[in-house]
Amino acid sequence: MAAAPTRLQSSKQFNNYNFREYFLRRSRESFKQNMTLQKPEEVSRAFLDAKEELGILKRQGVISQMYTFDKLVVEPLDNKHH
C-alpha cells in the first residue's frame, strides 16, 4: 500500500496563518469522519480523496510561498522577538 497522505505536514508550507489553520482544521475533521469506515471500498475511496486533496494542498502551498504576509496578532512570535 502507498504511503499515507500527509496533509497536516503539507499545511505547514503556508505562510498565511488563516490558510494554514483552515487546512489543519479541515484535515482533522476529515480524519475524524473517516475513522469509522469499515468497508474496503469506502476506505479506498477516502484514501483516493485524501491523495487528491494533498495534491491540491501542495500546489497551493507552493503558490503561498511566492507571497509574503505580515504576521497576525493571533500568531505566536518567534523566540528571537522575546
PDB file of N, CA and C in Angstrom:
ATOM      1  N   MET A   1       0.845  -1.190   0.000  1.00  0.00           N
ATOM      2  CA  MET A   1       0.000   0.000   0.000  1.00  0.00           C
ATOM      3  C   MET A   1       0.885   1.246   0.000  1.00  0.00           C
ATOM      4  N   ALA A   2       0.451   2.255  -0.660  1.00  0.00           N
ATOM      5  CA  ALA A   2       1.216   3.505  -0.766  1.00  0.00           C
ATOM      6  C   ALA A   2       1.249   4.227   0.575  1.00  0.00           C
ATOM      7  N   ALA A   3       2.190   5.138   0.696  1.00  0.00           N
ATOM      8  CA  ALA A   3       2.312   5.920   1.921  1.00  0.00           C
ATOM      9  C   ALA A   3       1.077   6.798   2.104  1.00  0.00           C
ATOM     10  N   ALA A   4       0.690   6.977   3.336  1.00  0.00           N
ATOM     11  CA  ALA A   4      -0.498   7.773   3.648  1.00  0.00           C
ATOM     12  C   ALA A   4      -0.248   9.244   3.318  1.00  0.00           C
ATOM     13  N   PRO A   5      -1.259   9.947   2.835  1.00  0.00           N
ATOM     14  CA  PRO A   5      -1.122  11.380   2.557  1.00  0.00           C
ATOM     15  C   PRO A   5      -0.773  12.149   3.827  1.00  0.00           C
ATOM     16  N   THR A   6       0.040  13.149   3.683  1.00  0.00           N
ATOM     17  CA  THR A   6       0.495  13.918   4.832  1.00  0.00           C
ATOM     18  C   THR A   6      -0.018  15.342   4.743  1.00  0.00           C
ATOM     19  N   ARG A   7      -1.308  15.507   4.828  1.00  0.00           N
ATOM     20  CA  ARG A   7      -1.901  16.836   4.705  1.00  0.00           C
ATOM     21  C   ARG A   7      -1.510  17.743   5.862  1.00  0.00           C
ATOM     22  N   LEU A   8      -1.382  17.182   7.069  1.00  0.00           N
ATOM     23  CA  LEU A   8      -1.025  18.017   8.204  1.00  0.00           C
ATOM     24  C   LEU A   8       0.364  18.601   8.043  1.00  0.00           C
ATOM     25  N   GLN A   9       1.298  17.810   7.537  1.00  0.00           N
ATOM     26  CA  GLN A   9       2.644  18.315   7.314  1.00  0.00           C
ATOM     27  C   GLN A   9       2.674  19.307   6.161  1.00  0.00           C
ATOM     28  N   SER A  10       1.921  19.046   5.121  1.00  0.00           N
ATOM     29  CA  SER A  10       1.917  19.922   3.948  1.00  0.00           C
ATOM     30  C   SER A  10       1.297  21.275   4.258  1.00  0.00           C
ATOM     31  N   SER A  11       0.406  21.337   5.223  1.00  0.00           N
ATOM     32  CA  SER A  11      -0.224  22.617   5.543  1.00  0.00           C
ATOM     33  C   SER A  11       0.776  23.597   6.140  1.00  0.00           C
ATOM     34  N   LYS A  12       1.896  23.102   6.656  1.00  0.00           N
ATOM     35  CA  LYS A  12       2.918  23.975   7.232  1.00  0.00           C
ATOM     36  C   LYS A  12       3.630  24.798   6.168  1.00  0.00           C
ATOM     37  N   GLN A  13       3.440  24.469   4.895  1.00  0.00           N
ATOM     38  CA  GLN A  13       4.062  25.225   3.812  1.00  0.00           C
ATOM     39  C   GLN A  13       3.428  26.600   3.649  1.00  0.00           C
ATOM     40  N   PHE A  14       2.239  26.784   4.198  1.00  0.00           N
ATOM     41  CA  PHE A  14       1.525  28.040   4.015  1.00  0.00           C
ATOM     42  C   PHE A  14       2.082  29.117   4.930  1.00  0.00           C
ATOM     43  N   ASN A  15       2.416  30.262   4.339  1.00  0.00           N
ATOM     44  CA  ASN A  15       2.894  31.398   5.119  1.00  0.00           C
ATOM     45  C   ASN A  15       1.734  32.101   5.809  1.00  0.00           C
ATOM     46  N   ASN A  16       0.575  32.047   5.212  1.00  0.00           N
ATOM     47  CA  ASN A  16      -0.591  32.736   5.748  1.00  0.00           C
ATOM     48  C   ASN A  16      -1.242  31.904   6.845  1.00  0.00           C
ATOM     49  N   TYR A  17      -1.367  32.494   8.024  1.00  0.00           N
ATOM     50  CA  TYR A  17      -1.928  31.812   9.192  1.00  0.00           C
ATOM     51  C   TYR A  17      -3.331  31.280   8.929  1.00  0.00           C
ATOM     52  N   ASN A  18      -4.178  32.068   8.300  1.00  0.00           N
ATOM     53  CA  ASN A  18      -5.570  31.658   8.071  1.00  0.00           C
ATOM     54  C   ASN A  18      -5.662  30.435   7.160  1.00  0.00           C
ATOM     55  N   PHE A  19      -4.892  30.412   6.092  1.00  0.00           N
ATOM     56  CA  PHE A  19      -4.886  29.248   5.202  1.00  0.00           C
ATOM     57  C   PHE A  19      -4.364  28.014   5.930  1.00  0.00           C
ATOM     58  N   ARG A  20      -3.268  28.202   6.653  1.00  0.00           N
ATOM     59  CA  ARG A  20      -2.645  27.086   7.366  1.00  0.00           C
ATOM     60  C   ARG A  20      -3.620  26.470   8.369  1.00  0.00           C
ATOM     61  N   GLU A  21      -4.268  27.292   9.170  1.00  0.00           N
ATOM     62  CA  GLU A  21      -5.207  26.785  10.175  1.00  0.00           C
ATOM     63  C   GLU A  21      -6.436  26.164   9.531  1.00  0.00           C
ATOM     64  N   TYR A  22      -6.894  26.730   8.422  1.00  0.00           N
ATOM     65  CA  TYR A  22      -8.044  26.158   7.716  1.00  0.00           C
ATOM     66  C   TYR A  22      -7.740  24.733   7.258  1.00  0.00           C
ATOM     67  N   PHE A  23      -6.586  24.542   6.631  1.00  0.00           N
ATOM     68  CA  PHE A  23      -6.254  23.208   6.136  1.00  0.00           C
ATOM     69  C   PHE A  23      -5.991  22.228   7.270  1.00  0.00           C
ATOM     70  N   LEU A  24      -5.421  22.677   8.362  1.00  0.00           N
ATOM     71  CA  LEU A  24      -5.244  21.798   9.513  1.00  0.00           C
ATOM     72  C   LEU A  24      -6.600  21.366  10.068  1.00  0.00           C
ATOM     73  N   ARG A  25      -7.492  22.321  10.225  1.00  0.00           N
ATOM     74  CA  ARG A  25      -8.832  22.026  10.758  1.00  0.00           C
ATOM     75  C   ARG A  25      -9.581  21.082   9.829  1.00  0.00           C
ATOM     76  N   ARG A  26      -9.510  21.360   8.547  1.00  0.00           N
ATOM     77  CA  ARG A  26     -10.214  20.519   7.571  1.00  0.00           C
ATOM     78  C   ARG A  26      -9.656  19.090   7.558  1.00  0.00           C
ATOM     79  N   SER A  27      -8.346  18.938   7.662  1.00  0.00           N
ATOM     80  CA  SER A  27      -7.719  17.620   7.677  1.00  0.00           C
ATOM     81  C   SER A  27      -8.129  16.832   8.910  1.00  0.00           C
ATOM     82  N   ARG A  28      -8.152  17.491  10.051  1.00  0.00           N
ATOM     83  CA  ARG A  28      -8.556  16.805  11.286  1.00  0.00           C
ATOM     84  C   ARG A  28     -10.011  16.355  11.218  1.00  0.00           C
ATOM     85  N   GLU A  29     -10.867  17.227  10.715  1.00  0.00           N
ATOM     86  CA  GLU A  29     -12.291  16.871  10.598  1.00  0.00           C
ATOM     87  C   GLU A  29     -12.486  15.711   9.631  1.00  0.00           C
ATOM     88  N   SER A  30     -11.770  15.730   8.527  1.00  0.00           N
ATOM     89  CA  SER A  30     -11.863  14.652   7.547  1.00  0.00           C
ATOM     90  C   SER A  30     -11.402  13.333   8.153  1.00  0.00           C
ATOM     91  N   PHE A  31     -10.321  13.376   8.910  1.00  0.00           N
ATOM     92  CA  PHE A  31      -9.821  12.166   9.554  1.00  0.00           C
ATOM     93  C   PHE A  31     -10.860  11.611  10.532  1.00  0.00           C
ATOM     94  N   LYS A  32     -11.455  12.487  11.340  1.00  0.00           N
ATOM     95  CA  LYS A  32     -12.460  12.037  12.310  1.00  0.00           C
ATOM     96  C   LYS A  32     -13.670  11.420  11.621  1.00  0.00           C
ATOM     97  N   GLN A  33     -14.094  11.994  10.495  1.00  0.00           N
ATOM     98  CA  GLN A  33     -15.234  11.455   9.757  1.00  0.00           C
ATOM     99  C   GLN A  33     -14.925  10.084   9.177  1.00  0.00           C
ATOM    100  N   ASN A  34     -13.711   9.896   8.705  1.00  0.00           N
ATOM    101  CA  ASN A  34     -13.343   8.650   8.031  1.00  0.00           C
ATOM    102  C   ASN A  34     -12.803   7.585   8.983  1.00  0.00           C
ATOM    103  N   MET A  35     -12.679   7.913  10.246  1.00  0.00           N
ATOM    104  CA  MET A  35     -12.115   6.994  11.220  1.00  0.00           C
ATOM    105  C   MET A  35     -12.958   5.728  11.391  1.00  0.00           C
ATOM    106  N   THR A  36     -14.242   5.835  11.176  1.00  0.00           N
ATOM    107  CA  THR A  36     -15.141   4.706  11.423  1.00  0.00           C
ATOM    108  C   THR A  36     -15.425   3.872  10.176  1.00  0.00           C
ATOM    109  N   LEU A  37     -14.809   4.210   9.055  1.00  0.00           N
ATOM    110  CA  LEU A  37     -15.055   3.457   7.829  1.00  0.00           C
ATOM    111  C   LEU A  37     -14.591   2.018   7.990  1.00  0.00           C
ATOM    112  N   GLN A  38     -15.411   1.077   7.532  1.00  0.00           N
ATOM    113  CA  GLN A  38     -15.108  -0.344   7.686  1.00  0.00           C
ATOM    114  C   GLN A  38     -14.918  -1.045   6.344  1.00  0.00           C
ATOM    115  N   LYS A  39     -15.759  -0.721   5.393  1.00  0.00           N
ATOM    116  CA  LYS A  39     -15.728  -1.408   4.101  1.00  0.00           C
ATOM    117  C   LYS A  39     -14.486  -1.012   3.317  1.00  0.00           C
ATOM    118  N   PRO A  40     -13.814  -1.991   2.715  1.00  0.00           N
ATOM    119  CA  PRO A  40     -12.587  -1.690   1.957  1.00  0.00           C
ATOM    120  C   PRO A  40     -12.791  -0.671   0.845  1.00  0.00           C
ATOM    121  N   GLU A  41     -13.937  -0.725   0.167  1.00  0.00           N
ATOM    122  CA  GLU A  41     -14.155   0.237  -0.916  1.00  0.00           C
ATOM    123  C   GLU A  41     -14.340   1.658  -0.379  1.00  0.00           C
ATOM    124  N   GLU A  42     -14.952   1.792   0.817  1.00  0.00           N
ATOM    125  CA  GLU A  42     -15.093   3.121   1.425  1.00  0.00           C
ATOM    126  C   GLU A  42     -13.729   3.660   1.854  1.00  0.00           C
ATOM    127  N   VAL A  43     -12.918   2.806   2.436  1.00  0.00           N
ATOM    128  CA  VAL A  43     -11.580   3.206   2.871  1.00  0.00           C
ATOM    129  C   VAL A  43     -10.740   3.592   1.653  1.00  0.00           C
ATOM    130  N   SER A  44     -10.829   2.805   0.600  1.00  0.00           N
ATOM    131  CA  SER A  44     -10.087   3.086  -0.616  1.00  0.00           C
ATOM    132  C   SER A  44     -10.502   4.424  -1.216  1.00  0.00           C
ATOM    133  N   ARG A  45     -11.790   4.686  -1.247  1.00  0.00           N
ATOM    134  CA  ARG A  45     -12.299   5.948  -1.801  1.00  0.00           C
ATOM    135  C   ARG A  45     -11.837   7.137  -0.956  1.00  0.00           C
ATOM    136  N   ALA A  46     -11.887   6.979   0.365  1.00  0.00           N
ATOM    137  CA  ALA A  46     -11.434   8.054   1.256  1.00  0.00           C
ATOM    138  C   ALA A  46      -9.945   8.313   1.062  1.00  0.00           C
ATOM    139  N   PHE A  47      -9.178   7.240   0.855  1.00  0.00           N
ATOM    140  CA  PHE A  47      -7.736   7.379   0.630  1.00  0.00           C
ATOM    141  C   PHE A  47      -7.473   8.124  -0.678  1.00  0.00           C
ATOM    142  N   LEU A  48      -8.197   7.775  -1.727  1.00  0.00           N
ATOM    143  CA  LEU A  48      -8.014   8.461  -3.010  1.00  0.00           C
ATOM    144  C   LEU A  48      -8.402   9.931  -2.914  1.00  0.00           C
ATOM    145  N   ASP A  49      -9.483  10.215  -2.193  1.00  0.00           N
ATOM    146  CA  ASP A  49      -9.886  11.610  -1.988  1.00  0.00           C
ATOM    147  C   ASP A  49      -8.806  12.377  -1.231  1.00  0.00           C
ATOM    148  N   ALA A  50      -8.229  11.747  -0.208  1.00  0.00           N
ATOM    149  CA  ALA A  50      -7.186  12.398   0.581  1.00  0.00           C
ATOM    150  C   ALA A  50      -5.951  12.669  -0.277  1.00  0.00           C
ATOM    151  N   LYS A  51      -5.598  11.728  -1.155  1.00  0.00           N
ATOM    152  CA  LYS A  51      -4.454  11.940  -2.044  1.00  0.00           C
ATOM    153  C   LYS A  51      -4.707  13.105  -2.997  1.00  0.00           C
ATOM    154  N   GLU A  52      -5.929  13.202  -3.500  1.00  0.00           N
ATOM    155  CA  GLU A  52      -6.282  14.304  -4.401  1.00  0.00           C
ATOM    156  C   GLU A  52      -6.202  15.638  -3.670  1.00  0.00           C
ATOM    157  N   GLU A  53      -6.726  15.686  -2.447  1.00  0.00           N
ATOM    158  CA  GLU A  53      -6.672  16.913  -1.656  1.00  0.00           C
ATOM    159  C   GLU A  53      -5.228  17.273  -1.315  1.00  0.00           C
ATOM    160  N   LEU A  54      -4.392  16.268  -1.087  1.00  0.00           N
ATOM    161  CA  LEU A  54      -2.988  16.519  -0.796  1.00  0.00           C
ATOM    162  C   LEU A  54      -2.303  17.188  -1.986  1.00  0.00           C
ATOM    163  N   GLY A  55      -2.618  16.733  -3.193  1.00  0.00           N
ATOM    164  CA  GLY A  55      -2.051  17.358  -4.386  1.00  0.00           C
ATOM    165  C   GLY A  55      -2.444  18.820  -4.495  1.00  0.00           C
ATOM    166  N   ILE A  56      -3.697  19.101  -4.219  1.00  0.00           N
ATOM    167  CA  ILE A  56      -4.176  20.491  -4.241  1.00  0.00           C
ATOM    168  C   ILE A  56      -3.457  21.301  -3.178  1.00  0.00           C
ATOM    169  N   LEU A  57      -3.342  20.736  -1.996  1.00  0.00           N
ATOM    170  CA  LEU A  57      -2.693  21.423  -0.888  1.00  0.00           C
ATOM    171  C   LEU A  57      -1.232  21.733  -1.201  1.00  0.00           C
ATOM    172  N   LYS A  58      -0.535  20.788  -1.802  1.00  0.00           N
ATOM    173  CA  LYS A  58       0.867  21.012  -2.157  1.00  0.00           C
ATOM    174  C   LYS A  58       1.015  22.111  -3.207  1.00  0.00           C
ATOM    175  N   ARG A  59       0.141  22.104  -4.208  1.00  0.00           N
ATOM    176  CA  ARG A  59       0.207  23.150  -5.239  1.00  0.00           C
ATOM    177  C   ARG A  59      -0.084  24.520  -4.629  1.00  0.00           C
ATOM    178  N   GLN A  60      -1.076  24.598  -3.785  1.00  0.00           N
ATOM    179  CA  GLN A  60      -1.416  25.869  -3.152  1.00  0.00           C
ATOM    180  C   GLN A  60      -0.312  26.315  -2.201  1.00  0.00           C
ATOM    181  N   GLY A  61       0.361  25.358  -1.557  1.00  0.00           N
ATOM    182  CA  GLY A  61       1.478  25.698  -0.674  1.00  0.00           C
ATOM    183  C   GLY A  61       2.615  26.343  -1.426  1.00  0.00           C
ATOM    184  N   VAL A  62       2.898  25.846  -2.624  1.00  0.00           N
ATOM    185  CA  VAL A  62       3.951  26.439  -3.453  1.00  0.00           C
ATOM    186  C   VAL A  62       3.572  27.866  -3.836  1.00  0.00           C
ATOM    187  N   ILE A  63       2.326  28.062  -4.211  1.00  0.00           N
ATOM    188  CA  ILE A  63       1.860  29.411  -4.563  1.00  0.00           C
ATOM    189  C   ILE A  63       1.946  30.331  -3.356  1.00  0.00           C
ATOM    190  N   SER A  64       1.569  29.824  -2.190  1.00  0.00           N
ATOM    191  CA  SER A  64       1.608  30.623  -0.963  1.00  0.00           C
ATOM    192  C   SER A  64       3.014  31.091  -0.631  1.00  0.00           C
ATOM    193  N   GLN A  65       4.013  30.271  -0.930  1.00  0.00           N
ATOM    194  CA  GLN A  65       5.388  30.641  -0.622  1.00  0.00           C
ATOM    195  C   GLN A  65       5.920  31.741  -1.535  1.00  0.00           C
ATOM    196  N   MET A  66       5.215  32.028  -2.610  1.00  0.00           N
ATOM    197  CA  MET A  66       5.636  33.095  -3.523  1.00  0.00           C
ATOM    198  C   MET A  66       5.292  34.476  -2.979  1.00  0.00           C
ATOM    199  N   TYR A  67       4.442  34.531  -1.964  1.00  0.00           N
ATOM    200  CA  TYR A  67       3.973  35.797  -1.420  1.00  0.00           C
ATOM    201  C   TYR A  67       4.317  35.876   0.061  1.00  0.00           C
ATOM    202  N   THR A  68       4.549  37.079   0.550  1.00  0.00           N
ATOM    203  CA  THR A  68       4.821  37.262   1.973  1.00  0.00           C
ATOM    204  C   THR A  68       3.621  37.936   2.626  1.00  0.00           C
ATOM    205  N   PHE A  69       3.411  37.587   3.855  1.00  0.00           N
ATOM    206  CA  PHE A  69       2.305  38.134   4.623  1.00  0.00           C
ATOM    207  C   PHE A  69       2.832  38.609   5.971  1.00  0.00           C
ATOM    208  N   ASP A  70       2.258  39.682   6.467  1.00  0.00           N
ATOM    209  CA  ASP A  70       2.598  40.134   7.817  1.00  0.00           C
ATOM    210  C   ASP A  70       1.986  39.165   8.812  1.00  0.00           C
ATOM    211  N   LYS A  71       2.650  39.010   9.944  1.00  0.00           N
ATOM    212  CA  LYS A  71       2.117  38.145  10.993  1.00  0.00           C
ATOM    213  C   LYS A  71       0.853  38.779  11.563  1.00  0.00           C
ATOM    214  N   LEU A  72      -0.098  37.928  11.907  1.00  0.00           N
ATOM    215  CA  LEU A  72      -1.322  38.393  12.533  1.00  0.00           C
ATOM    216  C   LEU A  72      -1.142  38.431  14.041  1.00  0.00           C
ATOM    217  N   VAL A  73      -2.026  39.119  14.720  1.00  0.00           N
ATOM    218  CA  VAL A  73      -1.956  39.236  16.171  1.00  0.00           C
ATOM    219  C   VAL A  73      -2.066  37.872  16.842  1.00  0.00           C
ATOM    220  N   VAL A  74      -2.816  36.946  16.266  1.00  0.00           N
ATOM    221  CA  VAL A  74      -3.036  35.636  16.873  1.00  0.00           C
ATOM    222  C   VAL A  74      -1.879  34.673  16.677  1.00  0.00           C
ATOM    223  N   GLU A  75      -0.932  35.004  15.806  1.00  0.00           N
ATOM    224  CA  GLU A  75       0.196  34.124  15.540  1.00  0.00           C
ATOM    225  C   GLU A  75       1.262  34.297  16.622  1.00  0.00           C
ATOM    226  N   PRO A  76       1.856  33.172  17.065  1.00  0.00           N
ATOM    227  CA  PRO A  76       2.932  33.282  18.060  1.00  0.00           C
ATOM    228  C   PRO A  76       4.167  33.903  17.433  1.00  0.00           C
ATOM    229  N   LEU A  77       4.887  34.678  18.223  1.00  0.00           N
ATOM    230  CA  LEU A  77       6.126  35.289  17.749  1.00  0.00           C
ATOM    231  C   LEU A  77       7.249  34.277  17.826  1.00  0.00           C
ATOM    232  N   ASP A  78       8.281  34.490  17.032  1.00  0.00           N
ATOM    233  CA  ASP A  78       9.472  33.656  17.116  1.00  0.00           C
ATOM    234  C   ASP A  78      10.169  33.927  18.441  1.00  0.00           C
ATOM    235  N   ASN A  79      10.989  32.986  18.893  1.00  0.00           N
ATOM    236  CA  ASN A  79      11.725  33.161  20.148  1.00  0.00           C
ATOM    237  C   ASN A  79      12.684  34.335  20.084  1.00  0.00           C
ATOM    238  N   LYS A  80      13.106  34.715  18.890  1.00  0.00           N
ATOM    239  CA  LYS A  80      14.047  35.821  18.721  1.00  0.00           C
ATOM    240  C   LYS A  80      13.444  37.153  19.174  1.00  0.00           C
ATOM    241  N   HIS A  81      12.128  37.254  19.156  1.00  0.00           N
ATOM    242  CA  HIS A  81      11.458  38.511  19.438  1.00  0.00           C
ATOM    243  C   HIS A  81      11.127  38.715  20.912  1.00  0.00           C
ATOM    244  N   HIS A  82      11.459  37.775  21.768  1.00  0.00           N
ATOM    245  CA  HIS A  82      11.098  37.900  23.189  1.00  0.00           C
ATOM    246  C   HIS A  82      12.116  38.710  23.933  1.00  0.00           C
TER     247      HIS A  82
END
